[in-house]
Amino acid sequence: MFWSYKAVSILTFNNQLIAVILEPSLYTVKAVLILDNDGERLYAKYYDGTYPSVKEQKAFEKNIFSKTHRTDSEIALLEGLTVVYKSNIDLFFYVIGSSHENELMLMAVLNCLFDSLSQMLRKNVERRALLENMEGLFLAVDEIVDGGVILESDPQQVVHRVALRVSKGLSPPLPSSPQKVLFTQPSGP
């Protein structure tokens, strides 16, 4: 026996309630955003065409930041979207889904992202540390969400996979100071 889940959206039209049955979908995440204390974009990945241009994305990000940066809640409904968010020191993390999306699933993605970054940055989740380790952020988000589909919600697994991908072929980070890097060849026969 197979069980299927169908989301029901209730709409009002001319003071009548109309139930619309939505087909189930794996595409739950519409965007992942990280903004700084001023509401400036540090990271943004949109998974659908809701905001197709950079101008529309920036306007949405400004709006979302102005509505959420002074509140202590974790969930907001904005422009017909469900927004879950978390702040830490000088960063604001956002995971966005459609208005009928399960907030707990979106919160699981947000917590996985934050906890993964916390482990990778050794609990130093702040703007400067994040900017110095953007490669790890890109890889972590790719391990958690792919095209809007949630792949992983366990931060331990994400950190492990990111470490494997880095060790298997990505180049090591460049030195942070402009000093010469000397390569020596091993001596011997």
N, C-alpha and C. Protein backbone atom coordinates (compact mmCIF):
# COMPACT_ATOMS: atom_id res chain seq x y z
N MET A 1 0.84 -1.17 0.00
CA MET A 1 0.00 0.00 0.00
C MET A 1 0.88 1.24 0.00
N PHE A 2 0.59 2.16 -0.85
CA PHE A 2 1.35 3.41 -0.93
C PHE A 2 0.52 4.55 -0.36
N TRP A 3 1.19 5.37 0.41
CA TRP A 3 0.56 6.56 0.95
C TRP A 3 1.09 7.75 0.18
N SER A 4 0.22 8.61 -0.20
CA SER A 4 0.70 9.82 -0.87
C SER A 4 0.23 11.04 -0.09
N TYR A 5 1.02 12.06 -0.16
CA TYR A 5 0.71 13.31 0.53
C TYR A 5 0.43 14.36 -0.51
N LYS A 6 -0.67 15.02 -0.37
CA LYS A 6 -1.00 16.12 -1.26
C LYS A 6 -1.27 17.34 -0.40
N ALA A 7 -0.64 18.43 -0.75
CA ALA A 7 -0.85 19.67 -0.03
C ALA A 7 -2.16 20.30 -0.48
N VAL A 8 -2.86 20.89 0.47
CA VAL A 8 -4.10 21.55 0.16
C VAL A 8 -3.93 23.02 0.47
N SER A 9 -4.24 23.84 -0.47
CA SER A 9 -4.18 25.28 -0.27
C SER A 9 -5.60 25.81 -0.27
N ILE A 10 -5.94 26.59 0.73
CA ILE A 10 -7.27 27.16 0.85
C ILE A 10 -7.23 28.61 0.36
N LEU A 11 -8.06 28.91 -0.61
CA LEU A 11 -8.13 30.25 -1.17
C LEU A 11 -9.53 30.81 -0.94
N THR A 12 -9.65 32.11 -0.90
CA THR A 12 -10.97 32.73 -0.84
C THR A 12 -11.21 33.49 -2.13
N PHE A 13 -12.39 33.34 -2.66
CA PHE A 13 -12.79 34.03 -3.87
C PHE A 13 -14.26 34.40 -3.73
N ASN A 14 -14.56 35.68 -3.76
CA ASN A 14 -15.93 36.17 -3.57
C ASN A 14 -16.55 35.61 -2.29
N ASN A 15 -15.77 35.68 -1.21
CA ASN A 15 -16.19 35.21 0.12
C ASN A 15 -16.54 33.73 0.16
N GLN A 16 -16.01 32.95 -0.74
CA GLN A 16 -16.19 31.50 -0.73
C GLN A 16 -14.82 30.86 -0.58
N LEU A 17 -14.77 29.82 0.24
CA LEU A 17 -13.52 29.08 0.41
C LEU A 17 -13.38 28.07 -0.71
N ILE A 18 -12.20 28.05 -1.29
CA ILE A 18 -11.92 27.12 -2.38
C ILE A 18 -10.68 26.33 -1.99
N ALA A 19 -10.78 25.02 -2.00
CA ALA A 19 -9.63 24.17 -1.68
C ALA A 19 -8.96 23.75 -2.99
N VAL A 20 -7.67 23.98 -3.06
CA VAL A 20 -6.90 23.59 -4.23
C VAL A 20 -5.91 22.52 -3.79
N ILE A 21 -5.98 21.36 -4.44
CA ILE A 21 -5.06 20.28 -4.10
C ILE A 21 -3.81 20.43 -4.94
N LEU A 22 -2.68 20.53 -4.26
CA LEU A 22 -1.40 20.70 -4.93
C LEU A 22 -0.69 19.36 -5.04
N GLU A 23 -0.09 19.12 -6.16
CA GLU A 23 0.67 17.88 -6.35
C GLU A 23 1.92 17.91 -5.48
N PRO A 24 2.29 16.77 -4.90
CA PRO A 24 3.52 16.75 -4.09
C PRO A 24 4.74 17.00 -4.96
N SER A 25 5.73 17.63 -4.37
CA SER A 25 6.94 17.96 -5.12
C SER A 25 8.16 17.87 -4.22
N LEU A 26 9.26 17.47 -4.78
CA LEU A 26 10.52 17.47 -4.05
C LEU A 26 11.17 18.85 -4.04
N TYR A 27 10.72 19.73 -4.90
CA TYR A 27 11.30 21.07 -5.01
C TYR A 27 10.74 21.95 -3.90
N THR A 28 11.41 21.93 -2.75
CA THR A 28 10.89 22.62 -1.57
C THR A 28 11.58 23.94 -1.29
N VAL A 29 12.83 24.09 -1.69
CA VAL A 29 13.59 25.30 -1.38
C VAL A 29 13.63 26.20 -2.61
N LYS A 30 13.23 27.44 -2.44
CA LYS A 30 13.27 28.42 -3.53
C LYS A 30 14.55 29.23 -3.52
N ALA A 31 15.14 29.43 -2.32
CA ALA A 31 16.37 30.22 -2.24
C ALA A 31 17.05 30.00 -0.91
N VAL A 32 18.37 30.19 -0.92
CA VAL A 32 19.20 30.22 0.29
C VAL A 32 19.97 31.53 0.24
N LEU A 33 19.87 32.32 1.31
CA LEU A 33 20.52 33.63 1.35
C LEU A 33 21.34 33.78 2.62
N ILE A 34 22.44 34.51 2.50
CA ILE A 34 23.19 34.96 3.67
C ILE A 34 23.47 36.44 3.45
N LEU A 35 22.99 37.25 4.39
CA LEU A 35 23.18 38.69 4.33
C LEU A 35 23.99 39.15 5.53
N ASP A 36 24.66 40.30 5.38
CA ASP A 36 25.43 40.83 6.51
C ASP A 36 24.56 41.78 7.33
N ASN A 37 25.15 42.44 8.31
CA ASN A 37 24.43 43.34 9.22
C ASN A 37 23.75 44.50 8.51
N ASP A 38 24.24 44.87 7.35
CA ASP A 38 23.67 45.98 6.60
C ASP A 38 22.65 45.51 5.56
N GLY A 39 22.40 44.22 5.51
CA GLY A 39 21.47 43.68 4.52
C GLY A 39 22.09 43.45 3.17
N GLU A 40 23.42 43.52 3.09
CA GLU A 40 24.12 43.30 1.82
C GLU A 40 24.32 41.80 1.60
N ARG A 41 24.21 41.40 0.36
CA ARG A 41 24.33 39.99 -0.01
C ARG A 41 25.76 39.50 0.15
N LEU A 42 25.93 38.42 0.90
CA LEU A 42 27.20 37.70 0.94
C LEU A 42 27.10 36.43 0.10
N TYR A 43 25.91 35.83 0.15
CA TYR A 43 25.67 34.61 -0.62
C TYR A 43 24.18 34.57 -0.97
N ALA A 44 23.88 34.21 -2.19
CA ALA A 44 22.50 34.04 -2.62
C ALA A 44 22.43 32.99 -3.71
N LYS A 45 21.53 32.06 -3.52
CA LYS A 45 21.30 31.05 -4.55
C LYS A 45 19.79 30.87 -4.68
N TYR A 46 19.27 31.21 -5.86
CA TYR A 46 17.85 31.09 -6.15
C TYR A 46 17.67 29.85 -7.02
N TYR A 47 16.64 29.06 -6.70
CA TYR A 47 16.45 27.79 -7.40
C TYR A 47 15.29 27.78 -8.39
N ASP A 48 14.56 28.87 -8.49
CA ASP A 48 13.50 28.92 -9.49
C ASP A 48 13.43 30.33 -10.08
N GLY A 49 12.48 30.56 -10.91
CA GLY A 49 12.40 31.84 -11.60
C GLY A 49 11.54 32.88 -10.91
N THR A 50 11.32 32.75 -9.60
CA THR A 50 10.49 33.72 -8.88
C THR A 50 11.06 35.12 -9.01
N TYR A 51 12.35 35.25 -8.88
CA TYR A 51 13.04 36.53 -9.04
C TYR A 51 14.12 36.36 -10.10
N PRO A 52 13.77 36.53 -11.38
CA PRO A 52 14.71 36.20 -12.45
C PRO A 52 15.89 37.16 -12.61
N SER A 53 15.72 38.43 -12.27
CA SER A 53 16.83 39.36 -12.48
C SER A 53 17.51 39.71 -11.16
N VAL A 54 18.75 40.13 -11.27
CA VAL A 54 19.51 40.52 -10.08
C VAL A 54 18.85 41.70 -9.38
N LYS A 55 18.28 42.60 -10.16
CA LYS A 55 17.60 43.77 -9.58
C LYS A 55 16.42 43.34 -8.72
N GLU A 56 15.62 42.38 -9.21
CA GLU A 56 14.49 41.87 -8.42
C GLU A 56 14.97 41.11 -7.19
N GLN A 57 16.05 40.36 -7.34
CA GLN A 57 16.60 39.62 -6.20
C GLN A 57 17.08 40.58 -5.11
N LYS A 58 17.80 41.62 -5.50
CA LYS A 58 18.30 42.60 -4.53
C LYS A 58 17.15 43.32 -3.83
N ALA A 59 16.10 43.65 -4.56
CA ALA A 59 14.93 44.30 -3.96
C ALA A 59 14.27 43.37 -2.96
N PHE A 60 14.14 42.10 -3.31
CA PHE A 60 13.57 41.11 -2.39
C PHE A 60 14.44 40.97 -1.14
N GLU A 61 15.75 40.91 -1.33
CA GLU A 61 16.67 40.78 -0.20
C GLU A 61 16.59 41.99 0.72
N LYS A 62 16.48 43.17 0.16
CA LYS A 62 16.35 44.39 0.96
C LYS A 62 15.05 44.35 1.76
N ASN A 63 13.98 43.91 1.11
CA ASN A 63 12.67 43.81 1.76
C ASN A 63 12.70 42.77 2.89
N ILE A 64 13.26 41.63 2.61
CA ILE A 64 13.31 40.56 3.62
C ILE A 64 14.16 40.98 4.81
N PHE A 65 15.26 41.67 4.55
CA PHE A 65 16.12 42.12 5.64
C PHE A 65 15.41 43.17 6.48
N SER A 66 14.73 44.11 5.85
CA SER A 66 14.04 45.16 6.61
C SER A 66 12.93 44.59 7.48
N LYS A 67 12.30 43.50 7.05
CA LYS A 67 11.22 42.89 7.83
C LYS A 67 11.72 41.97 8.93
N THR A 68 12.93 41.47 8.83
CA THR A 68 13.37 40.43 9.76
C THR A 68 14.53 40.80 10.67
N HIS A 69 15.29 41.84 10.38
CA HIS A 69 16.53 42.06 11.13
C HIS A 69 16.31 42.53 12.56
N ARG A 70 15.13 42.99 12.91
CA ARG A 70 14.88 43.44 14.28
C ARG A 70 13.97 42.51 15.07
N THR A 71 13.57 41.41 14.51
CA THR A 71 12.64 40.52 15.19
C THR A 71 13.37 39.30 15.75
N ASP A 72 12.76 38.68 16.74
CA ASP A 72 13.33 37.48 17.35
C ASP A 72 12.67 36.20 16.86
N SER A 73 11.66 36.32 16.02
CA SER A 73 10.99 35.12 15.52
C SER A 73 11.88 34.43 14.50
N GLU A 74 11.45 33.27 14.08
CA GLU A 74 12.26 32.47 13.16
C GLU A 74 11.57 32.24 11.82
N ILE A 75 10.28 32.59 11.73
CA ILE A 75 9.51 32.31 10.52
C ILE A 75 8.74 33.57 10.13
N ALA A 76 8.69 33.83 8.83
CA ALA A 76 7.91 34.96 8.32
C ALA A 76 7.25 34.56 7.00
N LEU A 77 6.11 35.16 6.73
CA LEU A 77 5.46 35.03 5.44
C LEU A 77 5.62 36.36 4.74
N LEU A 78 6.26 36.35 3.59
CA LEU A 78 6.59 37.58 2.91
C LEU A 78 6.46 37.39 1.41
N GLU A 79 5.70 38.24 0.77
CA GLU A 79 5.50 38.19 -0.69
C GLU A 79 5.04 36.81 -1.15
N GLY A 80 4.20 36.16 -0.37
CA GLY A 80 3.69 34.84 -0.73
C GLY A 80 4.69 33.72 -0.56
N LEU A 81 5.74 33.96 0.22
CA LEU A 81 6.78 32.95 0.45
C LEU A 81 6.93 32.70 1.94
N THR A 82 7.33 31.49 2.29
CA THR A 82 7.66 31.16 3.67
C THR A 82 9.16 31.37 3.85
N VAL A 83 9.52 32.16 4.84
CA VAL A 83 10.92 32.49 5.08
C VAL A 83 11.28 32.04 6.49
N VAL A 84 12.28 31.17 6.60
CA VAL A 84 12.82 30.83 7.92
C VAL A 84 14.21 31.44 7.99
N TYR A 85 14.56 31.95 9.17
CA TYR A 85 15.82 32.68 9.27
C TYR A 85 16.42 32.58 10.65
N LYS A 86 17.70 32.90 10.69
CA LYS A 86 18.49 32.85 11.92
C LYS A 86 19.57 33.90 11.79
N SER A 87 19.87 34.55 12.92
CA SER A 87 20.97 35.52 12.90
C SER A 87 22.06 35.07 13.85
N ASN A 88 23.27 35.44 13.54
CA ASN A 88 24.42 35.11 14.37
C ASN A 88 25.47 36.20 14.19
N ILE A 89 25.84 36.85 15.26
CA ILE A 89 26.82 37.93 15.30
C ILE A 89 26.50 38.97 14.23
N ASP A 90 27.11 38.87 13.05
CA ASP A 90 26.89 39.86 12.00
C ASP A 90 26.38 39.24 10.70
N LEU A 91 25.73 38.08 10.81
CA LEU A 91 25.20 37.39 9.64
C LEU A 91 23.73 37.04 9.83
N PHE A 92 22.99 37.04 8.73
CA PHE A 92 21.60 36.61 8.72
C PHE A 92 21.47 35.50 7.68
N PHE A 93 20.99 34.33 8.11
CA PHE A 93 20.82 33.17 7.24
C PHE A 93 19.33 33.02 6.94
N TYR A 94 18.99 32.80 5.67
CA TYR A 94 17.60 32.66 5.25
C TYR A 94 17.46 31.43 4.36
N VAL A 95 16.37 30.68 4.56
CA VAL A 95 15.95 29.63 3.64
C VAL A 95 14.51 29.94 3.28
N ILE A 96 14.22 29.96 1.99
CA ILE A 96 12.93 30.42 1.50
C ILE A 96 12.25 29.30 0.72
N GLY A 97 10.96 29.13 0.98
CA GLY A 97 10.13 28.16 0.28
C GLY A 97 8.81 28.79 -0.10
N SER A 98 7.97 28.05 -0.77
CA SER A 98 6.66 28.59 -1.17
C SER A 98 5.76 28.72 0.06
N SER A 99 4.64 29.39 -0.10
CA SER A 99 3.76 29.66 1.03
C SER A 99 3.13 28.40 1.61
N HIS A 100 3.01 27.35 0.84
CA HIS A 100 2.43 26.11 1.35
C HIS A 100 3.49 25.11 1.82
N GLU A 101 4.73 25.53 1.85
CA GLU A 101 5.82 24.61 2.23
C GLU A 101 5.84 24.38 3.74
N ASN A 102 6.29 23.21 4.12
CA ASN A 102 6.40 22.83 5.53
C ASN A 102 7.56 23.60 6.16
N GLU A 103 7.24 24.40 7.17
CA GLU A 103 8.25 25.24 7.83
C GLU A 103 9.31 24.40 8.52
N LEU A 104 8.93 23.23 9.01
CA LEU A 104 9.90 22.37 9.70
C LEU A 104 10.96 21.83 8.75
N MET A 105 10.57 21.54 7.52
CA MET A 105 11.55 21.08 6.54
C MET A 105 12.51 22.21 6.18
N LEU A 106 11.97 23.40 6.00
CA LEU A 106 12.83 24.55 5.69
C LEU A 106 13.76 24.85 6.86
N MET A 107 13.24 24.71 8.10
CA MET A 107 14.07 24.95 9.29
C MET A 107 15.16 23.89 9.40
N ALA A 108 14.88 22.66 8.98
CA ALA A 108 15.91 21.61 9.00
C ALA A 108 17.05 21.97 8.05
N VAL A 109 16.73 22.53 6.90
CA VAL A 109 17.76 22.97 5.95
C VAL A 109 18.58 24.11 6.56
N LEU A 110 17.90 25.08 7.16
CA LEU A 110 18.58 26.21 7.79
C LEU A 110 19.51 25.75 8.91
N ASN A 111 19.02 24.88 9.77
CA ASN A 111 19.86 24.39 10.88
C ASN A 111 21.03 23.57 10.38
N CYS A 112 20.82 22.78 9.34
CA CYS A 112 21.91 21.99 8.77
C CYS A 112 22.99 22.90 8.20
N LEU A 113 22.57 23.93 7.47
CA LEU A 113 23.54 24.87 6.90
C LEU A 113 24.32 25.57 8.01
N PHE A 114 23.62 26.09 9.00
CA PHE A 114 24.28 26.82 10.07
C PHE A 114 25.22 25.92 10.87
N ASP A 115 24.75 24.72 11.23
CA ASP A 115 25.58 23.80 12.02
C ASP A 115 26.78 23.30 11.22
N SER A 116 26.60 23.08 9.92
CA SER A 116 27.73 22.66 9.07
C SER A 116 28.79 23.75 9.02
N LEU A 117 28.35 24.99 8.80
CA LEU A 117 29.30 26.11 8.77
C LEU A 117 29.97 26.31 10.12
N SER A 118 29.20 26.12 11.17
CA SER A 118 29.76 26.25 12.52
C SER A 118 30.89 25.24 12.75
N GLN A 119 30.69 24.02 12.28
CA GLN A 119 31.74 23.00 12.43
C GLN A 119 32.92 23.31 11.52
N MET A 120 32.65 23.70 10.29
CA MET A 120 33.75 23.96 9.35
C MET A 120 34.55 25.19 9.75
N LEU A 121 33.89 26.18 10.36
CA LEU A 121 34.57 27.41 10.77
C LEU A 121 34.98 27.38 12.24
N ARG A 122 34.90 26.22 12.84
CA ARG A 122 35.27 26.02 14.25
C ARG A 122 34.55 27.01 15.16
N LYS A 123 33.23 27.02 15.01
CA LYS A 123 32.31 27.85 15.81
C LYS A 123 32.53 29.34 15.65
N ASN A 124 33.26 29.77 14.65
CA ASN A 124 33.54 31.18 14.39
C ASN A 124 32.71 31.64 13.18
N VAL A 125 31.38 31.56 13.31
CA VAL A 125 30.50 31.91 12.20
C VAL A 125 30.25 33.42 12.23
N GLU A 126 31.10 34.12 11.52
CA GLU A 126 30.98 35.57 11.39
C GLU A 126 31.39 35.96 9.98
N ARG A 127 31.14 37.19 9.62
CA ARG A 127 31.33 37.67 8.26
C ARG A 127 32.74 37.41 7.72
N ARG A 128 33.74 37.80 8.46
CA ARG A 128 35.12 37.68 7.98
C ARG A 128 35.51 36.21 7.75
N ALA A 129 35.20 35.37 8.72
CA ALA A 129 35.53 33.95 8.58
C ALA A 129 34.79 33.32 7.41
N LEU A 130 33.53 33.72 7.22
CA LEU A 130 32.76 33.19 6.11
C LEU A 130 33.34 33.62 4.76
N LEU A 131 33.72 34.90 4.65
CA LEU A 131 34.31 35.38 3.39
C LEU A 131 35.63 34.69 3.08
N GLU A 132 36.39 34.33 4.10
CA GLU A 132 37.66 33.64 3.88
C GLU A 132 37.46 32.17 3.50
N ASN A 133 36.27 31.64 3.73
CA ASN A 133 36.00 30.23 3.46
C ASN A 133 34.76 30.05 2.58
N MET A 134 34.65 30.88 1.57
CA MET A 134 33.48 30.81 0.68
C MET A 134 33.41 29.48 -0.07
N GLU A 135 34.55 28.90 -0.39
CA GLU A 135 34.57 27.62 -1.09
C GLU A 135 33.82 26.56 -0.28
N GLY A 136 34.07 26.52 1.02
CA GLY A 136 33.38 25.57 1.89
C GLY A 136 31.88 25.85 1.95
N LEU A 137 31.49 27.12 1.95
CA LEU A 137 30.08 27.48 1.94
C LEU A 137 29.41 26.98 0.67
N PHE A 138 30.04 27.24 -0.49
CA PHE A 138 29.48 26.79 -1.76
C PHE A 138 29.28 25.27 -1.77
N LEU A 139 30.29 24.56 -1.32
CA LEU A 139 30.21 23.10 -1.30
C LEU A 139 29.14 22.62 -0.32
N ALA A 140 29.05 23.25 0.84
CA ALA A 140 28.05 22.84 1.84
C ALA A 140 26.64 23.03 1.31
N VAL A 141 26.37 24.18 0.72
CA VAL A 141 25.03 24.42 0.19
C VAL A 141 24.72 23.42 -0.92
N ASP A 142 25.70 23.12 -1.77
CA ASP A 142 25.49 22.13 -2.84
C ASP A 142 25.21 20.74 -2.28
N GLU A 143 25.77 20.41 -1.14
CA GLU A 143 25.52 19.12 -0.51
C GLU A 143 24.15 19.07 0.17
N ILE A 144 23.65 20.20 0.61
CA ILE A 144 22.38 20.24 1.33
C ILE A 144 21.20 20.34 0.36
N VAL A 145 21.29 21.22 -0.63
CA VAL A 145 20.19 21.46 -1.57
C VAL A 145 20.73 21.40 -2.99
N ASP A 146 20.00 20.73 -3.86
CA ASP A 146 20.37 20.67 -5.27
C ASP A 146 19.15 21.01 -6.11
N GLY A 147 19.18 22.16 -6.74
CA GLY A 147 18.08 22.57 -7.60
C GLY A 147 16.77 22.78 -6.86
N GLY A 148 16.81 22.99 -5.56
CA GLY A 148 15.61 23.17 -4.77
C GLY A 148 15.18 21.91 -4.04
N VAL A 149 15.85 20.80 -4.31
CA VAL A 149 15.54 19.52 -3.66
C VAL A 149 16.48 19.34 -2.47
N ILE A 150 15.90 19.02 -1.32
CA ILE A 150 16.71 18.81 -0.12
C ILE A 150 17.39 17.45 -0.23
N LEU A 151 18.73 17.45 -0.16
CA LEU A 151 19.49 16.21 -0.24
C LEU A 151 19.93 15.70 1.11
N GLU A 152 20.27 16.60 2.01
CA GLU A 152 20.86 16.20 3.30
C GLU A 152 20.44 17.18 4.39
N SER A 153 20.20 16.64 5.58
CA SER A 153 19.86 17.51 6.72
C SER A 153 20.72 17.19 7.94
N ASP A 154 21.73 16.35 7.76
CA ASP A 154 22.63 16.01 8.85
C ASP A 154 23.95 16.77 8.66
N PRO A 155 24.25 17.71 9.57
CA PRO A 155 25.46 18.52 9.39
C PRO A 155 26.76 17.70 9.41
N GLN A 156 26.79 16.60 10.15
CA GLN A 156 27.99 15.75 10.19
C GLN A 156 28.28 15.18 8.80
N GLN A 157 27.23 14.74 8.12
CA GLN A 157 27.40 14.19 6.77
C GLN A 157 27.86 15.28 5.79
N VAL A 158 27.30 16.46 5.92
CA VAL A 158 27.68 17.56 5.04
C VAL A 158 29.14 17.91 5.22
N VAL A 159 29.59 18.06 6.47
CA VAL A 159 30.99 18.40 6.75
C VAL A 159 31.91 17.30 6.21
N HIS A 160 31.51 16.05 6.40
CA HIS A 160 32.32 14.93 5.91
C HIS A 160 32.43 14.96 4.39
N ARG A 161 31.32 15.18 3.70
CA ARG A 161 31.33 15.21 2.23
C ARG A 161 32.12 16.40 1.69
N VAL A 162 31.99 17.55 2.36
CA VAL A 162 32.76 18.73 1.93
C VAL A 162 34.24 18.43 2.08
N ALA A 163 34.64 17.83 3.19
CA ALA A 163 36.04 17.50 3.40
C ALA A 163 36.54 16.52 2.34
N LEU A 164 35.71 15.55 1.97
CA LEU A 164 36.10 14.60 0.92
C LEU A 164 36.27 15.29 -0.43
N ARG A 165 35.35 16.19 -0.77
CA ARG A 165 35.43 16.90 -2.06
C ARG A 165 36.65 17.80 -2.10
N VAL A 166 36.99 18.42 -0.99
CA VAL A 166 38.16 19.30 -0.96
C VAL A 166 39.43 18.47 -1.11
N SER A 167 39.48 17.31 -0.44
CA SER A 167 40.69 16.49 -0.49
C SER A 167 40.85 15.76 -1.83
N LYS A 168 39.78 15.60 -2.61
CA LYS A 168 39.86 14.84 -3.85
C LYS A 168 40.22 15.65 -5.08
N GLY A 169 40.46 16.93 -4.97
CA GLY A 169 40.86 17.58 -6.20
C GLY A 169 40.70 19.07 -6.26
N LEU A 170 40.07 19.65 -5.31
CA LEU A 170 40.00 21.10 -5.36
C LEU A 170 41.32 21.66 -4.91
N SER A 171 41.71 22.75 -5.48
CA SER A 171 43.01 23.33 -5.15
C SER A 171 43.02 23.87 -3.73
N PRO A 172 44.18 23.87 -3.08
CA PRO A 172 44.27 24.42 -1.73
C PRO A 172 44.07 25.93 -1.77
N PRO A 173 43.60 26.49 -0.67
CA PRO A 173 43.40 27.94 -0.66
C PRO A 173 44.70 28.69 -0.84
N LEU A 174 44.60 29.85 -1.47
CA LEU A 174 45.78 30.68 -1.66
C LEU A 174 46.17 31.34 -0.34
N PRO A 175 47.46 31.67 -0.17
CA PRO A 175 47.85 32.34 1.06
C PRO A 175 47.13 33.67 1.21
N SER A 176 46.76 34.02 2.46
CA SER A 176 46.00 35.24 2.67
C SER A 176 46.88 36.48 2.60
N SER A 177 48.17 36.34 2.79
CA SER A 177 49.05 37.50 2.68
C SER A 177 49.84 37.41 1.38
N PRO A 178 50.21 38.55 0.81
CA PRO A 178 50.91 38.53 -0.48
C PRO A 178 52.39 38.19 -0.32
N GLN A 179 52.65 37.00 0.19
CA GLN A 179 54.04 36.59 0.34
C GLN A 179 54.36 35.56 -0.74
N LYS A 180 55.61 35.36 -0.99
CA LYS A 180 56.01 34.39 -2.01
C LYS A 180 55.85 32.99 -1.45
N VAL A 181 55.37 32.12 -2.30
CA VAL A 181 55.24 30.72 -1.93
C VAL A 181 56.38 29.99 -2.63
N LEU A 182 57.22 29.36 -1.87
CA LEU A 182 58.39 28.66 -2.42
C LEU A 182 58.08 27.19 -2.53
N PHE A 183 58.32 26.64 -3.70
CA PHE A 183 58.16 25.21 -3.91
C PHE A 183 59.56 24.63 -4.04
N THR A 184 59.83 23.60 -3.29
CA THR A 184 61.13 22.95 -3.37
C THR A 184 60.95 21.54 -3.84
N GLN A 185 61.92 21.05 -4.57
CA GLN A 185 61.89 19.69 -4.99
C GLN A 185 62.64 18.84 -3.97
N PRO A 186 62.11 17.64 -3.75
CA PRO A 186 62.80 16.79 -2.77
C PRO A 186 64.21 16.45 -3.24
N SER A 187 65.13 16.43 -2.31
CA SER A 187 66.51 16.08 -2.65
C SER A 187 66.70 14.58 -2.53
N GLY A 188 67.62 14.07 -3.21
CA GLY A 188 67.88 12.64 -3.14
C GLY A 188 68.19 12.09 -4.49
N PRO A 189 68.40 10.77 -4.57
CA PRO A 189 68.78 10.16 -5.84
C PRO A 189 67.74 10.14 -6.88
